[in-house]
Amino acid sequence: MIEKLCDTQVFQGITVSLTKRKIQKCQRQLGNGHDAELHLTVADLYKHLGEDVLALESYRAAAKSVLQRQTPLTTTQSDQLIKIYKRILTLNPLDEETAHQLSQEYIQRGLNYRAVELYTTLAERFMRQGKYREATEQYQRVFAIEPGSITARITCANLYCQLGDVVQGAQEYAYIGDLYFEYQKFDGALEYYREAFKLNPQDETIEQKIQMTQQILDGVLIPQAQASLQRLNLIQHDQTHLQHSLEEKERIERELRRNIHLLKQRYAQSVASKNEQLRATQTRLEELAVYVAAFKDNLETIAIEKRQLEEQLEQEVTHKHDLEQKLKKLNALHVDEYMASSGSTAQTQRLETAVTRLQQEKARLGTQLQKKLERSAEREGQLRAHLEQQISRGTTLEHQLSDLTQEQKDVEQKLQLQLRESQRREQFLREQMQQLIEQHEYALQNVKHQKERLEQKYRSTQAKMNMVETRNMATLEQLQGELSRQWTIESNFSEQFHESLQEITLLLQNQEQEIQKLEQLHP
């Protein structure tokens, strides 16, 4: 058993390793490209590894790759996009943006029922998590596609009641009543009107609808005429809904334009920041160059001083050598003097005098020479110490220059890396900016098309409403004429009835008189 478990773990490890290698291979093939199939393959591999976050990123990249084409999508591309959106929703079932994009793709394909199912499913998921507000938003999207969905409206009305928004809940119940009324199911209409009135007793329109429906059920009003009025109310409701939709589309359009403006501002700020960093680095390089030049000048000055000190040292050595030569000559002169002492007396006296002077001169010169030698030795020591100090300083400066040169090279390399990174990031931002602009323009085009369709629908609804108003006015005039005729007939009938009663009364009186006469004749 343990061996089987180990074999299974080893096999899983090999599978994971092979999968990661395949992902790396696909990413190398992909580079910075927009191959939707490769993105999709990478996403599936990440999903197989359990890396849901990376899988979602790859799925979204695949969707962007499909949408980046300038031409309208073909059926194959649309099917591929739908498949990608479905896989995203499999990993993240509450992704509203992806669900909305998928529903829009369904609507463009003419599959409105699938869009309704998608929004309904998403609303039910939000309901199960207690997110009632998000659920009502999804139901409103359902109503925009299929206004006559009674079951969805009942659920949405209940959600509004749970949220405490009784006014909106009453409107939903009233709309359901309008739908029943339109199909002349007055019992159901009255039931939902009453539900709406319970939630919002201050709504006079709902109260009027209740009275009107009750009168129809009591036989007071003609259903056909009232149905025409009700259809007029529905058309007015649709007109209001269309007006709200147009306002919402205009708001979305303004929001998209504002986002594009913000993206352009952020891109400009990023470029300005990078340029500022490059200028700061360039200034630092210039300062380092000036510092290096100053160090080089100091080194040259030290070299010149070193040569001067060496020349002075050579002069001192030469002077010392000359003094030593003079001292040797004096010593030689003393020896000659001793040898010449064996001559004549006169010469001896002269020699003694000369020797005395020479000895004095020798002593003086010896003293001077000794002092000069001491000063020369002291000067030589000072010069050597100064030379060693200058050499040490020069060595230190050379090390500093070497360090500065290395720092300059490092800064230049760092600057080159920053420049390349900045260029790469700028290119990436430019591509992202272009993609976002294209997506926003595509969204703006869709909004404009939807706005045009809504405006056309609004105009057609307005025309229908005018026609219905015309027909209703004609119907009301006919009803008024018919009611007038009925009233006239009833008035005539009432007069005839009263006349007949009077005649019958007279006849009865006459008969009673005749009966009384007959009774008198035959007691």
Protein backbone atom coordinates (compact mmCIF):
# COMPACT_ATOMS: atom_id res chain seq x y z
CA MET A 1 0.00 0.00 0.00
CA ILE A 2 2.80 2.38 0.92
CA GLU A 3 4.62 1.50 -2.29
CA LYS A 4 1.49 2.26 -4.32
CA LEU A 5 1.10 5.59 -2.51
CA CYS A 6 4.74 6.45 -3.19
CA ASP A 7 4.34 5.46 -6.85
CA THR A 8 1.24 7.65 -7.07
CA GLN A 9 3.05 10.63 -5.53
CA VAL A 10 6.02 10.14 -7.85
CA PHE A 11 3.69 9.93 -10.84
CA GLN A 12 1.87 13.08 -9.73
CA GLY A 13 5.18 14.89 -9.27
CA ILE A 14 6.29 13.87 -12.77
CA THR A 15 2.93 15.00 -14.18
CA VAL A 16 3.19 18.39 -12.44
CA SER A 17 6.77 18.83 -13.66
CA LEU A 18 5.81 17.98 -17.25
CA THR A 19 2.82 20.32 -17.06
CA LYS A 20 5.01 23.20 -15.82
CA ARG A 21 7.51 22.55 -18.61
CA LYS A 22 4.71 22.63 -21.14
CA ILE A 23 3.48 25.93 -19.65
CA GLN A 24 6.99 27.42 -19.94
CA LYS A 25 7.25 26.22 -23.52
CA CYS A 26 3.90 27.79 -24.41
CA GLN A 27 4.90 31.04 -22.70
CA ARG A 28 8.17 31.15 -24.65
CA GLN A 29 6.25 30.61 -27.86
CA LEU A 30 3.77 33.25 -26.80
CA GLY A 31 6.24 35.97 -25.75
CA ASN A 32 4.31 39.24 -25.81
CA GLY A 33 2.02 38.03 -28.57
CA HIS A 34 -1.75 37.75 -28.66
CA ASP A 35 -2.31 34.13 -29.63
CA ALA A 36 -5.66 33.23 -28.08
CA GLU A 37 -5.13 29.48 -28.51
CA LEU A 38 -1.80 29.57 -26.64
CA HIS A 39 -3.32 31.66 -23.84
CA LEU A 40 -6.18 29.18 -23.66
CA THR A 41 -3.78 26.23 -23.51
CA VAL A 42 -1.77 27.87 -20.72
CA ALA A 43 -4.99 28.60 -18.80
CA ASP A 44 -6.15 24.99 -19.10
CA LEU A 45 -2.76 23.77 -17.86
CA TYR A 46 -2.87 26.13 -14.87
CA LYS A 47 -6.40 24.92 -14.13
CA HIS A 48 -5.14 21.33 -14.26
CA LEU A 49 -2.48 22.26 -11.68
CA GLY A 50 -5.07 23.91 -9.45
CA GLU A 51 -3.62 27.42 -9.99
CA ASP A 52 -7.01 29.09 -10.42
CA VAL A 53 -5.70 32.68 -10.15
CA LEU A 54 -3.13 32.18 -12.91
CA ALA A 55 -5.71 30.28 -14.95
CA LEU A 56 -8.13 33.24 -14.70
CA GLU A 57 -5.41 35.65 -15.82
CA SER A 58 -4.62 33.48 -18.84
CA TYR A 59 -8.32 33.08 -19.72
CA ARG A 60 -8.78 36.86 -19.59
CA ALA A 61 -5.66 37.32 -21.74
CA ALA A 62 -7.15 34.87 -24.25
CA ALA A 63 -10.42 36.86 -24.30
CA LYS A 64 -8.48 40.10 -24.87
CA SER A 65 -6.57 38.46 -27.71
CA VAL A 66 -9.84 37.54 -29.41
CA LEU A 67 -11.33 41.02 -28.88
CA GLN A 68 -8.24 42.85 -30.16
CA ARG A 69 -9.17 42.16 -33.76
CA GLN A 70 -10.41 45.30 -35.47
CA THR A 71 -12.91 43.48 -37.69
CA PRO A 72 -16.22 42.11 -36.35
CA LEU A 73 -15.94 38.64 -34.90
CA THR A 74 -16.75 35.67 -37.06
CA THR A 75 -19.00 32.88 -35.83
CA THR A 76 -15.95 30.75 -35.00
CA GLN A 77 -14.30 33.57 -33.07
CA SER A 78 -17.56 34.30 -31.26
CA ASP A 79 -17.88 30.63 -30.27
CA GLN A 80 -14.30 30.71 -29.00
CA LEU A 81 -14.99 33.85 -26.96
CA ILE A 82 -18.15 32.30 -25.48
CA LYS A 83 -16.16 29.20 -24.53
CA ILE A 84 -13.51 31.35 -22.79
CA TYR A 85 -16.15 33.34 -20.87
CA LYS A 86 -17.81 30.11 -19.73
CA ARG A 87 -14.51 28.77 -18.40
CA ILE A 88 -13.92 32.01 -16.50
CA LEU A 89 -17.37 31.71 -14.93
CA THR A 90 -16.62 28.10 -14.03
CA LEU A 91 -13.69 29.30 -11.90
CA ASN A 92 -15.38 32.50 -10.70
CA PRO A 93 -19.18 32.08 -10.87
CA LEU A 94 -19.87 35.58 -9.42
CA ASP A 95 -17.81 37.51 -11.99
CA GLU A 96 -20.40 40.12 -13.03
CA GLU A 97 -18.22 41.72 -15.70
CA THR A 98 -17.56 38.44 -17.49
CA ALA A 99 -21.23 37.45 -17.20
CA HIS A 100 -22.27 40.77 -18.73
CA GLN A 101 -19.76 40.38 -21.58
CA LEU A 102 -21.00 36.84 -22.24
CA SER A 103 -24.64 37.98 -22.25
CA GLN A 104 -23.80 40.80 -24.68
CA GLU A 105 -22.16 38.25 -26.96
CA TYR A 106 -25.30 36.08 -26.72
CA ILE A 107 -27.48 39.08 -27.60
CA GLN A 108 -25.32 39.95 -30.60
CA ARG A 109 -25.72 36.35 -31.75
CA GLY A 110 -29.50 36.60 -31.30
CA LEU A 111 -29.49 34.16 -28.35
CA ASN A 112 -31.48 36.35 -25.99
CA TYR A 113 -32.88 33.41 -24.05
CA ARG A 114 -29.35 32.34 -23.07
CA ALA A 115 -28.58 35.84 -21.84
CA VAL A 116 -31.76 35.71 -19.73
CA GLU A 117 -30.77 32.31 -18.33
CA LEU A 118 -27.26 33.60 -17.53
CA TYR A 119 -28.52 36.69 -15.67
CA THR A 120 -31.15 34.62 -13.84
CA THR A 121 -28.55 32.05 -12.74
CA LEU A 122 -26.22 34.81 -11.54
CA ALA A 123 -29.09 36.45 -9.61
CA GLU A 124 -29.93 33.13 -7.93
CA ARG A 125 -26.27 32.71 -6.90
CA PHE A 126 -26.27 36.16 -5.34
CA MET A 127 -29.53 35.32 -3.56
CA ARG A 128 -28.05 32.17 -2.04
CA GLN A 129 -25.20 34.26 -0.64
CA GLY A 130 -27.57 36.89 0.74
CA LYS A 131 -26.46 39.57 -1.74
CA TYR A 132 -29.97 40.76 -2.56
CA ARG A 133 -28.98 44.13 -4.04
CA GLU A 134 -26.68 42.48 -6.59
CA ALA A 135 -29.44 39.96 -7.36
CA THR A 136 -31.95 42.75 -8.13
CA GLU A 137 -29.42 44.35 -10.48
CA GLN A 138 -29.19 41.08 -12.43
CA TYR A 139 -32.99 40.82 -12.57
CA GLN A 140 -33.19 44.36 -13.96
CA ARG A 141 -30.87 43.21 -16.75
CA VAL A 142 -33.25 40.30 -17.34
CA PHE A 143 -36.18 42.74 -17.62
CA ALA A 144 -34.25 44.85 -20.13
CA ILE A 145 -34.15 41.77 -22.40
CA GLU A 146 -37.48 40.13 -21.48
CA PRO A 147 -39.88 42.59 -19.79
CA GLY A 148 -42.72 40.03 -19.58
CA SER A 149 -40.96 37.58 -17.26
CA ILE A 150 -43.56 37.39 -14.47
CA THR A 151 -41.75 34.80 -12.34
CA ALA A 152 -38.55 36.87 -12.33
CA ARG A 153 -40.51 40.02 -11.45
CA ILE A 154 -42.21 38.30 -8.50
CA THR A 155 -38.82 37.15 -7.19
CA CYS A 156 -37.34 40.62 -7.74
CA ALA A 157 -40.28 42.25 -5.93
CA ASN A 158 -39.76 39.94 -2.94
CA LEU A 159 -36.06 40.83 -2.90
CA TYR A 160 -36.89 44.55 -2.87
CA CYS A 161 -39.21 43.92 0.07
CA GLN A 162 -36.44 42.10 1.94
CA LEU A 163 -34.13 45.05 1.25
CA GLY A 164 -36.76 47.43 2.62
CA ASP A 165 -37.30 49.15 -0.74
CA VAL A 166 -41.10 48.83 -0.73
CA VAL A 167 -41.58 51.50 -3.40
CA GLN A 168 -39.55 49.55 -5.97
CA GLY A 169 -41.25 46.32 -4.89
CA ALA A 170 -44.65 47.95 -5.40
CA GLN A 171 -43.62 49.04 -8.90
CA GLU A 172 -42.66 45.47 -9.79
CA TYR A 173 -46.02 44.12 -8.52
CA ALA A 174 -47.84 46.89 -10.38
CA TYR A 175 -46.00 46.00 -13.59
CA ILE A 176 -47.07 42.36 -13.16
CA GLY A 177 -50.65 43.59 -12.75
CA ASP A 178 -50.27 45.61 -15.96
CA LEU A 179 -49.14 42.47 -17.80
CA TYR A 180 -52.20 40.55 -16.54
CA PHE A 181 -54.43 43.47 -17.44
CA GLU A 182 -53.00 43.63 -20.95
CA TYR A 183 -54.01 40.00 -21.49
CA GLN A 184 -57.44 40.80 -19.96
CA LYS A 185 -56.84 38.56 -16.95
CA PHE A 186 -58.45 41.03 -14.60
CA ASP A 187 -58.59 38.77 -11.54
CA GLY A 188 -54.79 38.32 -11.58
CA ALA A 189 -54.28 42.01 -12.34
CA LEU A 190 -56.45 43.01 -9.36
CA GLU A 191 -54.54 40.62 -7.08
CA TYR A 192 -51.13 42.10 -7.93
CA TYR A 193 -52.45 45.67 -7.89
CA ARG A 194 -53.61 45.04 -4.34
CA GLU A 195 -50.21 43.57 -3.43
CA ALA A 196 -48.57 46.72 -4.80
CA PHE A 197 -51.01 48.95 -2.91
CA LYS A 198 -50.25 47.13 0.35
CA LEU A 199 -46.59 48.02 -0.07
CA ASN A 200 -47.16 51.61 -1.19
CA PRO A 201 -50.60 52.94 -0.12
CA GLN A 202 -49.62 56.50 -1.11
CA ASP A 203 -49.42 55.64 -4.83
CA GLU A 204 -52.59 57.10 -6.35
CA THR A 205 -51.92 55.51 -9.73
CA ILE A 206 -52.08 52.01 -8.24
CA GLU A 207 -55.27 52.94 -6.39
CA GLN A 208 -56.85 54.15 -9.64
CA LYS A 209 -55.85 50.91 -11.35
CA ILE A 210 -57.49 48.91 -8.55
CA GLN A 211 -60.72 50.89 -8.89
CA MET A 212 -60.68 50.60 -12.66
CA THR A 213 -60.08 46.83 -12.60
CA GLN A 214 -62.80 46.35 -9.97
CA GLN A 215 -65.24 48.32 -12.14
CA ILE A 216 -64.41 46.10 -15.10
CA LEU A 217 -65.02 43.00 -13.00
CA ASP A 218 -68.32 44.53 -11.79
CA GLY A 219 -69.36 45.22 -15.40
CA VAL A 220 -69.37 48.98 -15.06
CA LEU A 221 -66.61 49.68 -17.63
CA ILE A 222 -66.14 48.24 -21.09
CA PRO A 223 -63.04 45.98 -21.01
CA GLN A 224 -61.90 46.83 -24.54
CA ALA A 225 -61.77 50.54 -23.88
CA GLN A 226 -60.06 50.06 -20.55
CA ALA A 227 -57.58 47.61 -22.11
CA SER A 228 -56.67 50.30 -24.63
CA LEU A 229 -56.06 52.72 -21.78
CA GLN A 230 -54.01 50.11 -20.00
CA ARG A 231 -51.90 49.50 -23.11
CA LEU A 232 -51.35 53.24 -23.23
CA ASN A 233 -50.11 53.11 -19.64
CA LEU A 234 -47.79 50.24 -20.51
CA ILE A 235 -46.41 52.16 -23.46
CA GLN A 236 -45.83 55.15 -21.21
CA HIS A 237 -44.08 52.87 -18.72
CA ASP A 238 -41.90 51.49 -21.52
CA GLN A 239 -41.19 55.02 -22.65
CA THR A 240 -40.04 55.94 -19.14
CA HIS A 241 -37.91 52.79 -19.00
CA LEU A 242 -36.36 53.65 -22.37
CA GLN A 243 -35.64 57.16 -21.17
CA HIS A 244 -33.88 55.76 -18.10
CA SER A 245 -31.94 53.37 -20.33
CA LEU A 246 -30.82 56.25 -22.56
CA GLU A 247 -29.69 58.22 -19.52
CA GLU A 248 -27.80 55.17 -18.24
CA LYS A 249 -26.10 54.71 -21.62
CA GLU A 250 -25.08 58.37 -21.67
CA ARG A 251 -23.70 58.01 -18.14
CA ILE A 252 -21.68 54.95 -19.18
CA GLU A 253 -20.40 56.82 -22.22
CA ARG A 254 -19.27 59.74 -20.05
CA GLU A 255 -17.64 57.30 -17.64
CA LEU A 256 -15.76 55.60 -20.47
CA ARG A 257 -14.52 58.91 -21.85
CA ARG A 258 -13.42 59.95 -18.36
CA ASN A 259 -11.54 56.65 -17.95
CA ILE A 260 -9.76 57.20 -21.27
CA HIS A 261 -8.77 60.70 -20.14
CA LEU A 262 -7.48 59.34 -16.81
CA LEU A 263 -5.48 56.63 -18.59
CA LYS A 264 -3.86 59.23 -20.82
CA GLN A 265 -3.03 61.36 -17.77
CA ARG A 266 -1.50 58.38 -15.94
CA TYR A 267 0.56 57.48 -18.99
CA ALA A 268 1.83 61.07 -19.27
CA GLN A 269 2.65 61.12 -15.54
CA SER A 270 4.53 57.82 -15.83
CA VAL A 271 6.54 59.10 -18.80
CA ALA A 272 7.31 62.36 -16.95
CA SER A 273 8.41 60.40 -13.85
CA LYS A 274 10.74 58.19 -15.89
CA ASN A 275 12.18 61.23 -17.67
CA GLU A 276 12.77 62.89 -14.29
CA GLN A 277 14.59 59.79 -13.04
CA LEU A 278 16.71 59.71 -16.18
CA ARG A 279 17.56 63.40 -15.79
CA ALA A 280 18.53 62.85 -12.13
CA THR A 281 20.76 59.93 -13.09
CA GLN A 282 22.32 61.98 -15.89
CA THR A 283 23.01 64.81 -13.43
CA ARG A 284 24.65 62.32 -11.07
CA LEU A 285 26.83 61.05 -13.90
CA GLU A 286 27.86 64.59 -14.79
CA GLU A 287 28.76 65.28 -11.14
CA LEU A 288 30.82 62.09 -11.03
CA ALA A 289 32.57 63.11 -14.25
CA VAL A 290 33.45 66.51 -12.74
CA TYR A 291 34.66 64.79 -9.56
CA VAL A 292 36.82 62.38 -11.56
CA ALA A 293 38.27 65.27 -13.58
CA ALA A 294 39.12 67.10 -10.34
CA PHE A 295 40.83 63.95 -9.01
CA LYS A 296 42.83 63.67 -12.20
CA ASP A 297 43.94 67.29 -11.86
CA ASN A 298 44.98 66.61 -8.24
CA LEU A 299 46.96 63.58 -9.35
CA GLU A 300 48.75 65.61 -12.02
CA THR A 301 49.53 68.33 -9.44
CA ILE A 302 50.89 65.71 -7.06
CA ALA A 303 53.01 64.21 -9.86
CA ILE A 304 54.47 67.65 -10.64
CA GLU A 305 55.22 68.26 -6.96
CA LYS A 306 56.81 64.82 -6.77
CA ARG A 307 59.13 65.61 -9.67
CA GLN A 308 60.04 68.96 -8.10
CA LEU A 309 60.85 67.27 -4.79
CA GLU A 310 62.98 64.68 -6.56
CA GLU A 311 64.89 67.46 -8.35
CA GLN A 312 65.43 69.29 -5.04
CA LEU A 313 66.60 66.06 -3.46
CA GLU A 314 69.09 65.51 -6.28
CA GLN A 315 70.39 69.07 -5.83
CA GLU A 316 70.86 68.51 -2.09
CA VAL A 317 72.70 65.26 -2.75
CA THR A 318 74.97 67.01 -5.28
CA HIS A 319 75.64 69.81 -2.80
CA LYS A 320 76.47 67.26 -0.11
CA HIS A 321 78.86 65.52 -2.46
CA ASP A 322 80.61 68.84 -3.22
CA LEU A 323 81.02 69.54 0.48
CA GLU A 324 82.51 66.11 1.03
CA GLN A 325 85.00 66.77 -1.82
CA LYS A 326 86.03 70.04 -0.21
CA LEU A 327 86.55 68.28 3.11
CA LYS A 328 88.79 65.73 1.44
CA LYS A 329 90.84 68.51 -0.15
CA LEU A 330 91.33 70.15 3.27
CA ASN A 331 92.53 66.88 4.74
CA ALA A 332 94.97 66.47 1.84
CA LEU A 333 96.21 70.02 2.37
CA HIS A 334 96.96 69.22 6.05
CA VAL A 335 99.09 66.25 5.02
CA ASP A 336 101.05 68.36 2.53
CA GLU A 337 101.60 70.91 5.27
CA TYR A 338 103.13 68.31 7.56
CA MET A 339 105.46 67.08 4.85
CA ALA A 340 106.67 70.58 4.09
CA SER A 341 107.59 71.26 7.75
CA SER A 342 111.10 69.86 7.24
CA GLY A 343 112.09 72.88 4.96
CA SER A 344 113.74 76.22 5.91
CA THR A 345 112.76 78.33 8.88
CA ALA A 346 111.39 81.22 6.86
CA GLN A 347 109.42 78.89 4.82
CA THR A 348 108.47 77.15 8.00
CA GLN A 349 107.13 80.35 9.47
CA ARG A 350 105.22 81.15 6.34
CA LEU A 351 103.95 77.64 6.24
CA GLU A 352 102.99 77.79 9.88
CA THR A 353 101.16 81.02 9.25
CA ALA A 354 99.49 79.49 6.21
CA VAL A 355 98.78 76.32 8.14
CA THR A 356 97.27 78.36 10.93
CA ARG A 357 95.09 80.19 8.48
CA LEU A 358 94.29 76.94 6.75
CA GLN A 359 93.45 75.31 10.04
CA GLN A 360 91.23 78.21 10.95
CA GLU A 361 89.66 78.13 7.52
CA LYS A 362 89.42 74.35 7.80
CA ALA A 363 87.71 74.63 11.18
CA ARG A 364 85.37 77.29 9.86
CA LEU A 365 84.66 75.33 6.68
CA GLY A 366 84.30 72.13 8.67
CA THR A 367 81.80 73.79 10.96
CA GLN A 368 79.90 75.26 8.01
CA LEU A 369 80.12 71.97 6.18
CA GLN A 370 78.84 70.10 9.23
CA LYS A 371 75.96 72.54 9.59
CA LYS A 372 75.17 72.30 5.90
CA LEU A 373 75.34 68.52 6.08
CA GLU A 374 72.98 68.54 9.04
CA ARG A 375 70.62 70.94 7.29
CA SER A 376 70.93 68.91 4.12
CA ALA A 377 70.16 65.70 6.02
CA GLU A 378 67.24 67.39 7.76
CA ARG A 379 66.00 68.82 4.47
CA GLU A 380 66.46 65.43 2.83
CA GLY A 381 64.44 63.80 5.61
CA GLN A 382 61.70 66.40 5.25
CA LEU A 383 61.69 66.01 1.49
CA ARG A 384 61.56 62.23 1.80
CA ALA A 385 58.73 62.43 4.34
CA HIS A 386 56.88 64.91 2.13
CA LEU A 387 57.52 62.70 -0.88
CA GLU A 388 56.23 59.66 0.97
CA GLN A 389 53.20 61.68 2.06
CA GLN A 390 52.57 62.79 -1.51
CA ILE A 391 53.08 59.24 -2.75
CA SER A 392 50.63 57.97 -0.12
CA ARG A 393 48.18 60.69 -1.04
CA GLY A 394 48.59 59.88 -4.71
CA THR A 395 48.00 56.19 -4.00
CA THR A 396 44.88 57.07 -2.02
CA LEU A 397 43.66 59.30 -4.82
CA GLU A 398 44.37 56.57 -7.34
CA HIS A 399 42.31 54.14 -5.26
CA GLN A 400 39.56 56.72 -4.96
CA LEU A 401 39.75 57.35 -8.68
CA SER A 402 39.53 53.63 -9.30
CA ASP A 403 36.54 53.40 -6.98
CA LEU A 404 34.90 56.38 -8.66
CA THR A 405 35.58 54.91 -12.08
CA GLN A 406 34.02 51.63 -10.98
CA GLU A 407 31.09 53.51 -9.45
CA GLN A 408 30.69 55.44 -12.68
CA LYS A 409 30.68 52.19 -14.63
CA ASP A 410 28.15 50.71 -12.21
CA VAL A 411 25.97 53.80 -12.47
CA GLU A 412 26.22 53.71 -16.26
CA GLN A 413 25.27 50.03 -16.28
CA LYS A 414 22.42 50.72 -13.86
CA LEU A 415 21.35 53.64 -16.02
CA GLN A 416 21.42 51.45 -19.10
CA LEU A 417 19.36 48.81 -17.30
CA GLN A 418 16.92 51.46 -16.08
CA LEU A 419 16.73 52.91 -19.55
CA ARG A 420 16.03 49.53 -21.11
CA GLU A 421 13.52 48.73 -18.36
CA SER A 422 11.92 52.13 -18.83
CA GLN A 423 11.72 51.62 -22.58
CA ARG A 424 10.29 48.14 -22.09
CA ARG A 425 7.77 49.39 -19.54
CA GLU A 426 6.93 52.35 -21.73
CA GLN A 427 6.32 49.98 -24.63
CA PHE A 428 4.21 47.77 -22.37
CA LEU A 429 2.24 50.78 -21.11
CA ARG A 430 1.81 52.03 -24.66
CA GLU A 431 0.47 48.63 -25.73
CA GLN A 432 -1.78 48.47 -22.68
CA MET A 433 -2.93 52.01 -23.34
CA GLN A 434 -3.66 51.14 -26.95
CA GLN A 435 -5.53 48.02 -25.90
CA LEU A 436 -7.59 49.92 -23.34
CA ILE A 437 -8.32 52.69 -25.82
CA GLU A 438 -9.40 50.12 -28.41
CA GLN A 439 -11.57 48.34 -25.84
CA HIS A 440 -13.11 51.62 -24.69
CA GLU A 441 -13.69 52.70 -28.29
CA TYR A 442 -15.27 49.32 -28.97
CA ALA A 443 -17.42 49.74 -25.87
CA LEU A 444 -18.30 53.29 -26.95
CA GLN A 445 -19.32 52.01 -30.37
CA ASN A 446 -21.51 49.38 -28.72
CA VAL A 447 -23.00 52.03 -26.45
CA LYS A 448 -23.64 54.28 -29.43
CA HIS A 449 -25.27 51.42 -31.36
CA GLN A 450 -27.40 50.52 -28.36
CA LYS A 451 -28.23 54.17 -27.88
CA GLU A 452 -29.27 54.46 -31.52
CA ARG A 453 -31.39 51.32 -31.20
CA LEU A 454 -32.96 52.64 -28.01
CA GLU A 455 -33.62 56.01 -29.63
CA GLN A 456 -35.18 54.26 -32.62
CA LYS A 457 -37.23 52.10 -30.27
CA TYR A 458 -38.15 55.23 -28.33
CA ARG A 459 -39.31 56.96 -31.51
CA SER A 460 -41.28 53.92 -32.60
CA THR A 461 -42.77 53.65 -29.11
CA GLN A 462 -43.66 57.32 -29.25
CA ALA A 463 -45.31 56.79 -32.62
CA LYS A 464 -47.20 53.77 -31.28
CA MET A 465 -48.24 55.77 -28.26
CA ASN A 466 -49.53 58.56 -30.49
CA MET A 467 -51.46 56.01 -32.57
CA VAL A 468 -52.86 54.39 -29.44
CA GLU A 469 -53.83 57.80 -28.08
CA THR A 470 -55.54 58.60 -31.36
CA ARG A 471 -57.39 55.29 -31.34
CA ASN A 472 -58.26 55.72 -27.67
CA MET A 473 -59.59 59.19 -28.30
CA ALA A 474 -61.67 57.85 -31.15
CA THR A 475 -62.85 54.97 -28.97
CA LEU A 476 -63.67 57.34 -26.14
CA GLU A 477 -65.59 59.60 -28.53
CA GLN A 478 -67.49 56.57 -29.82
CA LEU A 479 -68.16 55.47 -26.25
CA GLN A 480 -69.30 58.95 -25.35
CA GLY A 481 -71.61 59.01 -28.35
CA GLU A 482 -72.92 55.56 -27.55
CA LEU A 483 -73.44 56.51 -23.92
CA SER A 484 -75.22 59.67 -25.04
CA ARG A 485 -77.48 57.61 -27.32
CA GLN A 486 -78.12 55.11 -24.54
CA TRP A 487 -78.95 57.95 -22.17
CA THR A 488 -81.32 59.47 -24.74
CA ILE A 489 -82.95 56.10 -25.31
CA GLU A 490 -83.26 55.54 -21.58
CA SER A 491 -84.72 59.03 -21.17
CA ASN A 492 -87.28 58.40 -23.95
CA PHE A 493 -88.05 55.00 -22.51
CA SER A 494 -88.52 56.54 -19.08
CA GLU A 495 -90.90 59.17 -20.48
CA GLN A 496 -92.84 56.55 -22.39
CA PHE A 497 -92.94 54.41 -19.27
CA HIS A 498 -94.34 57.30 -17.21
CA GLU A 499 -96.92 58.07 -19.92
CA SER A 500 -97.93 54.42 -20.04
CA LEU A 501 -98.27 54.38 -16.27
CA GLN A 502 -100.46 57.45 -16.40
CA GLU A 503 -102.64 55.91 -19.11
CA ILE A 504 -102.92 52.66 -17.15
CA THR A 505 -103.82 54.66 -14.05
CA LEU A 506 -106.56 56.51 -15.95
CA LEU A 507 -107.90 53.27 -17.39
CA LEU A 508 -107.97 51.70 -13.95
CA GLN A 509 -109.81 54.71 -12.56
CA ASN A 510 -112.34 54.57 -15.41
CA GLN A 511 -112.86 50.87 -14.86
CA GLU A 512 -113.39 51.41 -11.15
CA GLN A 513 -115.98 54.11 -11.90
CA GLU A 514 -117.79 51.83 -14.34
CA ILE A 515 -117.72 49.00 -11.79
CA GLN A 516 -119.19 51.31 -9.17
CA LYS A 517 -121.95 52.36 -11.61
CA LEU A 518 -122.74 48.73 -12.39
CA GLU A 519 -122.91 47.93 -8.69
CA GLN A 520 -125.32 50.80 -8.21
CA LEU A 521 -127.52 49.52 -11.06
CA HIS A 522 -127.62 45.99 -9.69
CA PRO A 523 -127.79 46.24 -5.91
